[in-house]
Amino acid sequence: MQSFAKAARELALSPSAVAKNIARLETQLGVRLFHRTTRQMTLSQDGEDMFVRCLRILEEIESLEGSITESRNGLSGTLRIDVPVVYGRLIVLPC
């Protein structure tokens, strides 16, 4: 994103809300995440590092959610079959 205004539009927030949240995060972390000028805004090295790590974390979360959903959709548990004893001995047990 090149500006807080563009990010705000995509997040359905006001530009000032985005700017305030970024400022709070920078204060909490004790680092500047962006280099700001009147014409341009770019990520600082700390901002770039945080961005890359956050992407990895989000990918891990998506992977985890996918594996949980996949395992939940799979079959599990005990299958009980009620068949005559002769059928069970001749057909089921030999497998």
PDB file of N, CA and C in Angstrom:
ATOM      1  N   MET A   1       0.840  -1.173   0.000  1.00  0.00           N
ATOM      2  CA  MET A   1       0.000   0.000   0.000  1.00  0.00           C
ATOM      3  C   MET A   1       0.890   1.243   0.000  1.00  0.00           C
ATOM      4  N   GLN A   2       0.483   2.211  -0.754  1.00  0.00           N
ATOM      5  CA  GLN A   2       1.260   3.438  -0.840  1.00  0.00           C
ATOM      6  C   GLN A   2       0.790   4.508   0.134  1.00  0.00           C
ATOM      7  N   SER A   3      -0.406   4.346   0.689  1.00  0.00           N
ATOM      8  CA  SER A   3      -0.901   5.374   1.605  1.00  0.00           C
ATOM      9  C   SER A   3      -1.873   4.770   2.607  1.00  0.00           C
ATOM     10  N   PHE A   4      -2.017   5.471   3.723  1.00  0.00           N
ATOM     11  CA  PHE A   4      -2.999   5.044   4.714  1.00  0.00           C
ATOM     12  C   PHE A   4      -4.405   5.195   4.152  1.00  0.00           C
ATOM     13  N   ALA A   5      -4.616   6.172   3.264  1.00  0.00           N
ATOM     14  CA  ALA A   5      -5.943   6.377   2.680  1.00  0.00           C
ATOM     15  C   ALA A   5      -6.355   5.163   1.849  1.00  0.00           C
ATOM     16  N   LYS A   6      -5.438   4.627   1.066  1.00  0.00           N
ATOM     17  CA  LYS A   6      -5.755   3.442   0.259  1.00  0.00           C
ATOM     18  C   LYS A   6      -6.012   2.233   1.158  1.00  0.00           C
ATOM     19  N   ALA A   7      -5.188   2.073   2.180  1.00  0.00           N
ATOM     20  CA  ALA A   7      -5.384   0.973   3.132  1.00  0.00           C
ATOM     21  C   ALA A   7      -6.728   1.130   3.834  1.00  0.00           C
ATOM     22  N   ALA A   8      -7.073   2.366   4.206  1.00  0.00           N
ATOM     23  CA  ALA A   8      -8.338   2.628   4.884  1.00  0.00           C
ATOM     24  C   ALA A   8      -9.517   2.241   4.002  1.00  0.00           C
ATOM     25  N   ARG A   9      -9.451   2.570   2.706  1.00  0.00           N
ATOM     26  CA  ARG A   9     -10.536   2.193   1.798  1.00  0.00           C
ATOM     27  C   ARG A   9     -10.695   0.682   1.735  1.00  0.00           C
ATOM     28  N   GLU A  10      -9.592  -0.032   1.640  1.00  0.00           N
ATOM     29  CA  GLU A  10      -9.656  -1.493   1.552  1.00  0.00           C
ATOM     30  C   GLU A  10     -10.144  -2.129   2.848  1.00  0.00           C
ATOM     31  N   LEU A  11      -9.877  -1.481   3.978  1.00  0.00           N
ATOM     32  CA  LEU A  11     -10.298  -2.012   5.279  1.00  0.00           C
ATOM     33  C   LEU A  11     -11.636  -1.444   5.747  1.00  0.00           C
ATOM     34  N   ALA A  12     -12.222  -0.555   4.942  1.00  0.00           N
ATOM     35  CA  ALA A  12     -13.479   0.117   5.294  1.00  0.00           C
ATOM     36  C   ALA A  12     -13.343   0.886   6.608  1.00  0.00           C
ATOM     37  N   LEU A  13     -12.221   1.574   6.758  1.00  0.00           N
ATOM     38  CA  LEU A  13     -11.961   2.422   7.921  1.00  0.00           C
ATOM     39  C   LEU A  13     -11.651   3.827   7.438  1.00  0.00           C
ATOM     40  N   SER A  14     -11.591   4.765   8.363  1.00  0.00           N
ATOM     41  CA  SER A  14     -11.171   6.115   8.002  1.00  0.00           C
ATOM     42  C   SER A  14      -9.643   6.157   7.962  1.00  0.00           C
ATOM     43  N   PRO A  15      -9.071   7.038   7.134  1.00  0.00           N
ATOM     44  CA  PRO A  15      -7.603   7.166   7.115  1.00  0.00           C
ATOM     45  C   PRO A  15      -7.031   7.515   8.483  1.00  0.00           C
ATOM     46  N   SER A  16      -7.741   8.330   9.251  1.00  0.00           N
ATOM     47  CA  SER A  16      -7.220   8.695  10.581  1.00  0.00           C
ATOM     48  C   SER A  16      -7.217   7.490  11.520  1.00  0.00           C
ATOM     49  N   ALA A  17      -8.199   6.597  11.389  1.00  0.00           N
ATOM     50  CA  ALA A  17      -8.220   5.389  12.229  1.00  0.00           C
ATOM     51  C   ALA A  17      -7.016   4.508  11.913  1.00  0.00           C
ATOM     52  N   VAL A  18      -6.703   4.369  10.630  1.00  0.00           N
ATOM     53  CA  VAL A  18      -5.538   3.564  10.238  1.00  0.00           C
ATOM     54  C   VAL A  18      -4.264   4.213  10.765  1.00  0.00           C
ATOM     55  N   ALA A  19      -4.129   5.522  10.588  1.00  0.00           N
ATOM     56  CA  ALA A  19      -2.931   6.233  11.049  1.00  0.00           C
ATOM     57  C   ALA A  19      -2.772   6.114  12.569  1.00  0.00           C
ATOM     58  N   LYS A  20      -3.882   6.229  13.301  1.00  0.00           N
ATOM     59  CA  LYS A  20      -3.816   6.119  14.765  1.00  0.00           C
ATOM     60  C   LYS A  20      -3.421   4.705  15.187  1.00  0.00           C
ATOM     61  N   ASN A  21      -3.952   3.706  14.515  1.00  0.00           N
ATOM     62  CA  ASN A  21      -3.578   2.322  14.847  1.00  0.00           C
ATOM     63  C   ASN A  21      -2.115   2.053  14.561  1.00  0.00           C
ATOM     64  N   ILE A  22      -1.603   2.569  13.456  1.00  0.00           N
ATOM     65  CA  ILE A  22      -0.179   2.414  13.133  1.00  0.00           C
ATOM     66  C   ILE A  22       0.665   3.134  14.181  1.00  0.00           C
ATOM     67  N   ALA A  23       0.261   4.339  14.558  1.00  0.00           N
ATOM     68  CA  ALA A  23       1.008   5.097  15.569  1.00  0.00           C
ATOM     69  C   ALA A  23       1.028   4.354  16.903  1.00  0.00           C
ATOM     70  N   ARG A  24      -0.115   3.781  17.292  1.00  0.00           N
ATOM     71  CA  ARG A  24      -0.161   3.007  18.541  1.00  0.00           C
ATOM     72  C   ARG A  24       0.760   1.793  18.466  1.00  0.00           C
ATOM     73  N   LEU A  25       0.745   1.106  17.331  1.00  0.00           N
ATOM     74  CA  LEU A  25       1.609  -0.060  17.164  1.00  0.00           C
ATOM     75  C   LEU A  25       3.076   0.338  17.231  1.00  0.00           C
ATOM     76  N   GLU A  26       3.435   1.428  16.568  1.00  0.00           N
ATOM     77  CA  GLU A  26       4.824   1.909  16.618  1.00  0.00           C
ATOM     78  C   GLU A  26       5.227   2.273  18.047  1.00  0.00           C
ATOM     79  N   THR A  27       4.324   2.899  18.774  1.00  0.00           N
ATOM     80  CA  THR A  27       4.614   3.253  20.169  1.00  0.00           C
ATOM     81  C   THR A  27       4.797   1.996  21.010  1.00  0.00           C
ATOM     82  N   GLN A  28       3.898   1.038  20.823  1.00  0.00           N
ATOM     83  CA  GLN A  28       3.977  -0.219  21.588  1.00  0.00           C
ATOM     84  C   GLN A  28       5.277  -0.959  21.301  1.00  0.00           C
ATOM     85  N   LEU A  29       5.683  -0.986  20.034  1.00  0.00           N
ATOM     86  CA  LEU A  29       6.900  -1.709  19.645  1.00  0.00           C
ATOM     87  C   LEU A  29       8.169  -0.900  19.891  1.00  0.00           C
ATOM     88  N   GLY A  30       8.027   0.408  19.956  1.00  0.00           N
ATOM     89  CA  GLY A  30       9.188   1.270  20.154  1.00  0.00           C
ATOM     90  C   GLY A  30      10.038   1.418  18.904  1.00  0.00           C
ATOM     91  N   VAL A  31       9.435   1.259  17.734  1.00  0.00           N
ATOM     92  CA  VAL A  31      10.155   1.409  16.465  1.00  0.00           C
ATOM     93  C   VAL A  31       9.265   2.146  15.467  1.00  0.00           C
ATOM     94  N   ARG A  32       9.900   2.709  14.437  1.00  0.00           N
ATOM     95  CA  ARG A  32       9.154   3.319  13.334  1.00  0.00           C
ATOM     96  C   ARG A  32       8.974   2.240  12.270  1.00  0.00           C
ATOM     97  N   LEU A  33       7.751   2.017  11.864  1.00  0.00           N
ATOM     98  CA  LEU A  33       7.471   1.014  10.839  1.00  0.00           C
ATOM     99  C   LEU A  33       7.471   1.615   9.441  1.00  0.00           C
ATOM    100  N   PHE A  34       7.269   2.929   9.350  1.00  0.00           N
ATOM    101  CA  PHE A  34       7.207   3.619   8.055  1.00  0.00           C
ATOM    102  C   PHE A  34       8.107   4.841   8.053  1.00  0.00           C
ATOM    103  N   HIS A  35       8.684   5.124   6.883  1.00  0.00           N
ATOM    104  CA  HIS A  35       9.345   6.397   6.626  1.00  0.00           C
ATOM    105  C   HIS A  35       8.294   7.241   5.917  1.00  0.00           C
ATOM    106  N   ARG A  36       7.944   8.387   6.510  1.00  0.00           N
ATOM    107  CA  ARG A  36       6.900   9.227   5.943  1.00  0.00           C
ATOM    108  C   ARG A  36       7.478  10.559   5.492  1.00  0.00           C
ATOM    109  N   THR A  37       7.069  10.965   4.303  1.00  0.00           N
ATOM    110  CA  THR A  37       7.339  12.327   3.828  1.00  0.00           C
ATOM    111  C   THR A  37       6.012  12.875   3.316  1.00  0.00           C
ATOM    112  N   THR A  38       6.010  14.127   2.883  1.00  0.00           N
ATOM    113  CA  THR A  38       4.763  14.700   2.366  1.00  0.00           C
ATOM    114  C   THR A  38       4.351  14.049   1.049  1.00  0.00           C
ATOM    115  N   ARG A  39       5.300  13.453   0.345  1.00  0.00           N
ATOM    116  CA  ARG A  39       4.991  12.865  -0.960  1.00  0.00           C
ATOM    117  C   ARG A  39       5.019  11.346  -0.993  1.00  0.00           C
ATOM    118  N   GLN A  40       5.598  10.739   0.010  1.00  0.00           N
ATOM    119  CA  GLN A  40       5.831   9.300  -0.093  1.00  0.00           C
ATOM    120  C   GLN A  40       5.828   8.645   1.288  1.00  0.00           C
ATOM    121  N   MET A  41       5.469   7.364   1.279  1.00  0.00           N
ATOM    122  CA  MET A  41       5.532   6.570   2.507  1.00  0.00           C
ATOM    123  C   MET A  41       6.105   5.211   2.115  1.00  0.00           C
ATOM    124  N   THR A  42       7.134   4.777   2.836  1.00  0.00           N
ATOM    125  CA  THR A  42       7.742   3.474   2.579  1.00  0.00           C
ATOM    126  C   THR A  42       7.970   2.768   3.905  1.00  0.00           C
ATOM    127  N   LEU A  43       8.079   1.465   3.844  1.00  0.00           N
ATOM    128  CA  LEU A  43       8.363   0.696   5.052  1.00  0.00           C
ATOM    129  C   LEU A  43       9.803   0.925   5.492  1.00  0.00           C
ATOM    130  N   SER A  44       9.990   1.042   6.784  1.00  0.00           N
ATOM    131  CA  SER A  44      11.337   1.069   7.330  1.00  0.00           C
ATOM    132  C   SER A  44      11.864  -0.366   7.337  1.00  0.00           C
ATOM    133  N   GLN A  45      13.118  -0.550   7.696  1.00  0.00           N
ATOM    134  CA  GLN A  45      13.656  -1.913   7.768  1.00  0.00           C
ATOM    135  C   GLN A  45      12.905  -2.726   8.806  1.00  0.00           C
ATOM    136  N   ASP A  46      12.601  -2.108   9.955  1.00  0.00           N
ATOM    137  CA  ASP A  46      11.808  -2.803  10.977  1.00  0.00           C
ATOM    138  C   ASP A  46      10.415  -3.132  10.452  1.00  0.00           C
ATOM    139  N   GLY A  47       9.821  -2.210   9.698  1.00  0.00           N
ATOM    140  CA  GLY A  47       8.511  -2.452   9.107  1.00  0.00           C
ATOM    141  C   GLY A  47       8.536  -3.583   8.105  1.00  0.00           C
ATOM    142  N   GLU A  48       9.586  -3.613   7.294  1.00  0.00           N
ATOM    143  CA  GLU A  48       9.746  -4.697   6.309  1.00  0.00           C
ATOM    144  C   GLU A  48       9.910  -6.043   7.000  1.00  0.00           C
ATOM    145  N   ASP A  49      10.743  -6.074   8.033  1.00  0.00           N
ATOM    146  CA  ASP A  49      10.940  -7.323   8.784  1.00  0.00           C
ATOM    147  C   ASP A  49       9.636  -7.807   9.414  1.00  0.00           C
ATOM    148  N   MET A  50       8.892  -6.871  10.001  1.00  0.00           N
ATOM    149  CA  MET A  50       7.625  -7.244  10.632  1.00  0.00           C
ATOM    150  C   MET A  50       6.628  -7.732   9.585  1.00  0.00           C
ATOM    151  N   PHE A  51       6.580  -7.068   8.444  1.00  0.00           N
ATOM    152  CA  PHE A  51       5.670  -7.458   7.365  1.00  0.00           C
ATOM    153  C   PHE A  51       5.950  -8.887   6.901  1.00  0.00           C
ATOM    154  N   VAL A  52       7.210  -9.205   6.668  1.00  0.00           N
ATOM    155  CA  VAL A  52       7.585 -10.542   6.205  1.00  0.00           C
ATOM    156  C   VAL A  52       7.218 -11.603   7.241  1.00  0.00           C
ATOM    157  N   ARG A  53       7.506 -11.323   8.498  1.00  0.00           N
ATOM    158  CA  ARG A  53       7.175 -12.297   9.550  1.00  0.00           C
ATOM    159  C   ARG A  53       5.669 -12.450   9.722  1.00  0.00           C
ATOM    160  N   CYS A  54       4.935 -11.357   9.623  1.00  0.00           N
ATOM    161  CA  CYS A  54       3.466 -11.439   9.726  1.00  0.00           C
ATOM    162  C   CYS A  54       2.885 -12.264   8.586  1.00  0.00           C
ATOM    163  N   LEU A  55       3.431 -12.117   7.380  1.00  0.00           N
ATOM    164  CA  LEU A  55       2.962 -12.943   6.250  1.00  0.00           C
ATOM    165  C   LEU A  55       3.165 -14.419   6.541  1.00  0.00           C
ATOM    166  N   ARG A  56       4.344 -14.766   7.087  1.00  0.00           N
ATOM    167  CA  ARG A  56       4.599 -16.171   7.430  1.00  0.00           C
ATOM    168  C   ARG A  56       3.631 -16.667   8.497  1.00  0.00           C
ATOM    169  N   ILE A  57       3.362 -15.846   9.491  1.00  0.00           N
ATOM    170  CA  ILE A  57       2.428 -16.234  10.552  1.00  0.00           C
ATOM    171  C   ILE A  57       1.036 -16.453   9.973  1.00  0.00           C
ATOM    172  N   LEU A  58       0.591 -15.543   9.109  1.00  0.00           N
ATOM    173  CA  LEU A  58      -0.731 -15.691   8.497  1.00  0.00           C
ATOM    174  C   LEU A  58      -0.810 -16.946   7.634  1.00  0.00           C
ATOM    175  N   GLU A  59       0.265 -17.267   6.915  1.00  0.00           N
ATOM    176  CA  GLU A  59       0.290 -18.504   6.123  1.00  0.00           C
ATOM    177  C   GLU A  59       0.188 -19.733   7.027  1.00  0.00           C
ATOM    178  N   GLU A  60       0.878 -19.700   8.163  1.00  0.00           N
ATOM    179  CA  GLU A  60       0.802 -20.806   9.119  1.00  0.00           C
ATOM    180  C   GLU A  60      -0.609 -20.959   9.676  1.00  0.00           C
ATOM    181  N   ILE A  61      -1.252 -19.842   9.975  1.00  0.00           N
ATOM    182  CA  ILE A  61      -2.621 -19.889  10.492  1.00  0.00           C
ATOM    183  C   ILE A  61      -3.554 -20.485   9.444  1.00  0.00           C
ATOM    184  N   GLU A  62      -3.425 -20.047   8.198  1.00  0.00           N
ATOM    185  CA  GLU A  62      -4.260 -20.597   7.130  1.00  0.00           C
ATOM    186  C   GLU A  62      -4.020 -22.090   6.963  1.00  0.00           C
ATOM    187  N   SER A  63      -2.770 -22.500   7.032  1.00  0.00           N
ATOM    188  CA  SER A  63      -2.435 -23.918   6.917  1.00  0.00           C
ATOM    189  C   SER A  63      -3.048 -24.717   8.059  1.00  0.00           C
ATOM    190  N   LEU A  64      -2.939 -24.191   9.259  1.00  0.00           N
ATOM    191  CA  LEU A  64      -3.518 -24.846  10.422  1.00  0.00           C
ATOM    192  C   LEU A  64      -5.035 -24.969  10.292  1.00  0.00           C
ATOM    193  N   GLU A  65      -5.680 -23.877   9.887  1.00  0.00           N
ATOM    194  CA  GLU A  65      -7.131 -23.919   9.703  1.00  0.00           C
ATOM    195  C   GLU A  65      -7.517 -24.949   8.647  1.00  0.00           C
ATOM    196  N   GLY A  66      -6.741 -25.004   7.561  1.00  0.00           N
ATOM    197  CA  GLY A  66      -7.015 -25.979   6.511  1.00  0.00           C
ATOM    198  C   GLY A  66      -6.874 -27.403   6.988  1.00  0.00           C
ATOM    199  N   SER A  67      -5.842 -27.684   7.768  1.00  0.00           N
ATOM    200  CA  SER A  67      -5.648 -29.053   8.253  1.00  0.00           C
ATOM    201  C   SER A  67      -6.708 -29.444   9.267  1.00  0.00           C
ATOM    202  N   ILE A  68      -7.139 -28.491  10.081  1.00  0.00           N
ATOM    203  CA  ILE A  68      -8.198 -28.787  11.043  1.00  0.00           C
ATOM    204  C   ILE A  68      -9.504 -29.060  10.313  1.00  0.00           C
ATOM    205  N   THR A  69      -9.819 -28.235   9.335  1.00  0.00           N
ATOM    206  CA  THR A  69     -11.047 -28.425   8.558  1.00  0.00           C
ATOM    207  C   THR A  69     -11.003 -29.744   7.811  1.00  0.00           C
ATOM    208  N   GLU A  70      -9.852 -30.055   7.240  1.00  0.00           N
ATOM    209  CA  GLU A  70      -9.691 -31.303   6.488  1.00  0.00           C
ATOM    210  C   GLU A  70      -9.871 -32.519   7.390  1.00  0.00           C
ATOM    211  N   SER A  71      -9.275 -32.475   8.573  1.00  0.00           N
ATOM    212  CA  SER A  71      -9.397 -33.615   9.484  1.00  0.00           C
ATOM    213  C   SER A  71     -10.814 -33.728  10.039  1.00  0.00           C
ATOM    214  N   ARG A  72     -11.473 -32.614  10.189  1.00  0.00           N
ATOM    215  CA  ARG A  72     -12.843 -32.624  10.692  1.00  0.00           C
ATOM    216  C   ARG A  72     -13.797 -33.204   9.651  1.00  0.00           C
ATOM    217  N   ASN A  73     -13.491 -32.979   8.377  1.00  0.00           N
ATOM    218  CA  ASN A  73     -14.351 -33.477   7.310  1.00  0.00           C
ATOM    219  C   ASN A  73     -14.093 -34.947   6.989  1.00  0.00           C
ATOM    220  N   GLY A  74     -12.960 -35.469   7.404  1.00  0.00           N
ATOM    221  CA  GLY A  74     -12.640 -36.877   7.145  1.00  0.00           C
ATOM    222  C   GLY A  74     -13.444 -37.792   8.060  1.00  0.00           C
ATOM    223  N   LEU A  75     -13.508 -39.029   7.684  1.00  0.00           N
ATOM    224  CA  LEU A  75     -14.211 -40.009   8.505  1.00  0.00           C
ATOM    225  C   LEU A  75     -13.345 -40.407   9.688  1.00  0.00           C
ATOM    226  N   SER A  76     -13.976 -40.650  10.806  1.00  0.00           N
ATOM    227  CA  SER A  76     -13.246 -41.109  11.978  1.00  0.00           C
ATOM    228  C   SER A  76     -14.195 -41.874  12.869  1.00  0.00           C
ATOM    229  N   GLY A  77     -13.630 -42.613  13.784  1.00  0.00           N
ATOM    230  CA  GLY A  77     -14.452 -43.357  14.724  1.00  0.00           C
ATOM    231  C   GLY A  77     -14.470 -44.838  14.406  1.00  0.00           C
ATOM    232  N   THR A  78     -15.318 -45.540  15.100  1.00  0.00           N
ATOM    233  CA  THR A  78     -15.424 -46.990  14.958  1.00  0.00           C
ATOM    234  C   THR A  78     -16.582 -47.331  14.027  1.00  0.00           C
ATOM    235  N   LEU A  79     -16.319 -48.205  13.093  1.00  0.00           N
ATOM    236  CA  LEU A  79     -17.353 -48.690  12.186  1.00  0.00           C
ATOM    237  C   LEU A  79     -17.799 -50.057  12.677  1.00  0.00           C
ATOM    238  N   ARG A  80     -19.043 -50.176  12.970  1.00  0.00           N
ATOM    239  CA  ARG A  80     -19.587 -51.453  13.436  1.00  0.00           C
ATOM    240  C   ARG A  80     -20.466 -52.026  12.328  1.00  0.00           C
ATOM    241  N   ILE A  81     -20.235 -53.293  12.041  1.00  0.00           N
ATOM    242  CA  ILE A  81     -21.001 -53.975  11.008  1.00  0.00           C
ATOM    243  C   ILE A  81     -21.695 -55.172  11.642  1.00  0.00           C
ATOM    244  N   ASP A  82     -22.973 -55.294  11.381  1.00  0.00           N
ATOM    245  CA  ASP A  82     -23.747 -56.415  11.915  1.00  0.00           C
ATOM    246  C   ASP A  82     -24.009 -57.372  10.751  1.00  0.00           C
ATOM    247  N   VAL A  83     -23.275 -58.475  10.742  1.00  0.00           N
ATOM    248  CA  VAL A  83     -23.425 -59.481   9.679  1.00  0.00           C
ATOM    249  C   VAL A  83     -23.517 -60.870  10.320  1.00  0.00           C
ATOM    250  N   PRO A  84     -24.052 -61.823   9.591  1.00  0.00           N
ATOM    251  CA  PRO A  84     -24.070 -63.195  10.110  1.00  0.00           C
ATOM    252  C   PRO A  84     -22.646 -63.687  10.357  1.00  0.00           C
ATOM    253  N   VAL A  85     -22.449 -64.525  11.354  1.00  0.00           N
ATOM    254  CA  VAL A  85     -21.134 -65.036  11.731  1.00  0.00           C
ATOM    255  C   VAL A  85     -20.436 -65.705  10.556  1.00  0.00           C
ATOM    256  N   VAL A  86     -21.132 -66.494   9.801  1.00  0.00           N
ATOM    257  CA  VAL A  86     -20.527 -67.201   8.669  1.00  0.00           C
ATOM    258  C   VAL A  86     -19.990 -66.200   7.648  1.00  0.00           C
ATOM    259  N   TYR A  87     -20.760 -65.173   7.327  1.00  0.00           N
ATOM    260  CA  TYR A  87     -20.319 -64.149   6.380  1.00  0.00           C
ATOM    261  C   TYR A  87     -19.084 -63.432   6.930  1.00  0.00           C
ATOM    262  N   GLY A  88     -19.093 -63.099   8.209  1.00  0.00           N
ATOM    263  CA  GLY A  88     -17.959 -62.436   8.831  1.00  0.00           C
ATOM    264  C   GLY A  88     -16.692 -63.256   8.761  1.00  0.00           C
ATOM    265  N   ARG A  89     -16.780 -64.567   9.025  1.00  0.00           N
ATOM    266  CA  ARG A  89     -15.604 -65.432   8.988  1.00  0.00           C
ATOM    267  C   ARG A  89     -15.094 -65.643   7.571  1.00  0.00           C
ATOM    268  N   LEU A  90     -15.987 -65.746   6.600  1.00  0.00           N
ATOM    269  CA  LEU A  90     -15.579 -66.039   5.231  1.00  0.00           C
ATOM    270  C   LEU A  90     -15.168 -64.793   4.442  1.00  0.00           C
ATOM    271  N   ILE A  91     -15.835 -63.679   4.673  1.00  0.00           N
ATOM    272  CA  ILE A  91     -15.613 -62.493   3.838  1.00  0.00           C
ATOM    273  C   ILE A  91     -14.856 -61.385   4.569  1.00  0.00           C
ATOM    274  N   VAL A  92     -15.309 -61.009   5.759  1.00  0.00           N
ATOM    275  CA  VAL A  92     -14.742 -59.851   6.449  1.00  0.00           C
ATOM    276  C   VAL A  92     -13.369 -60.163   7.054  1.00  0.00           C
ATOM    277  N   LEU A  93     -13.232 -61.228   7.815  1.00  0.00           N
ATOM    278  CA  LEU A  93     -11.974 -61.542   8.493  1.00  0.00           C
ATOM    279  C   LEU A  93     -10.810 -61.843   7.554  1.00  0.00           C
ATOM    280  N   PRO A  94     -10.990 -62.513   6.446  1.00  0.00           N
ATOM    281  CA  PRO A  94      -9.856 -62.777   5.574  1.00  0.00           C
ATOM    282  C   PRO A  94      -9.195 -61.513   5.020  1.00  0.00           C
ATOM    283  N   CYS A  95      -9.891 -60.426   4.975  1.00  0.00           N
ATOM    284  CA  CYS A  95      -9.322 -59.167   4.446  1.00  0.00           C
ATOM    285  C   CYS A  95      -8.336 -58.672   5.413  1.00  0.00           C
TER     286      CYS A  95
END
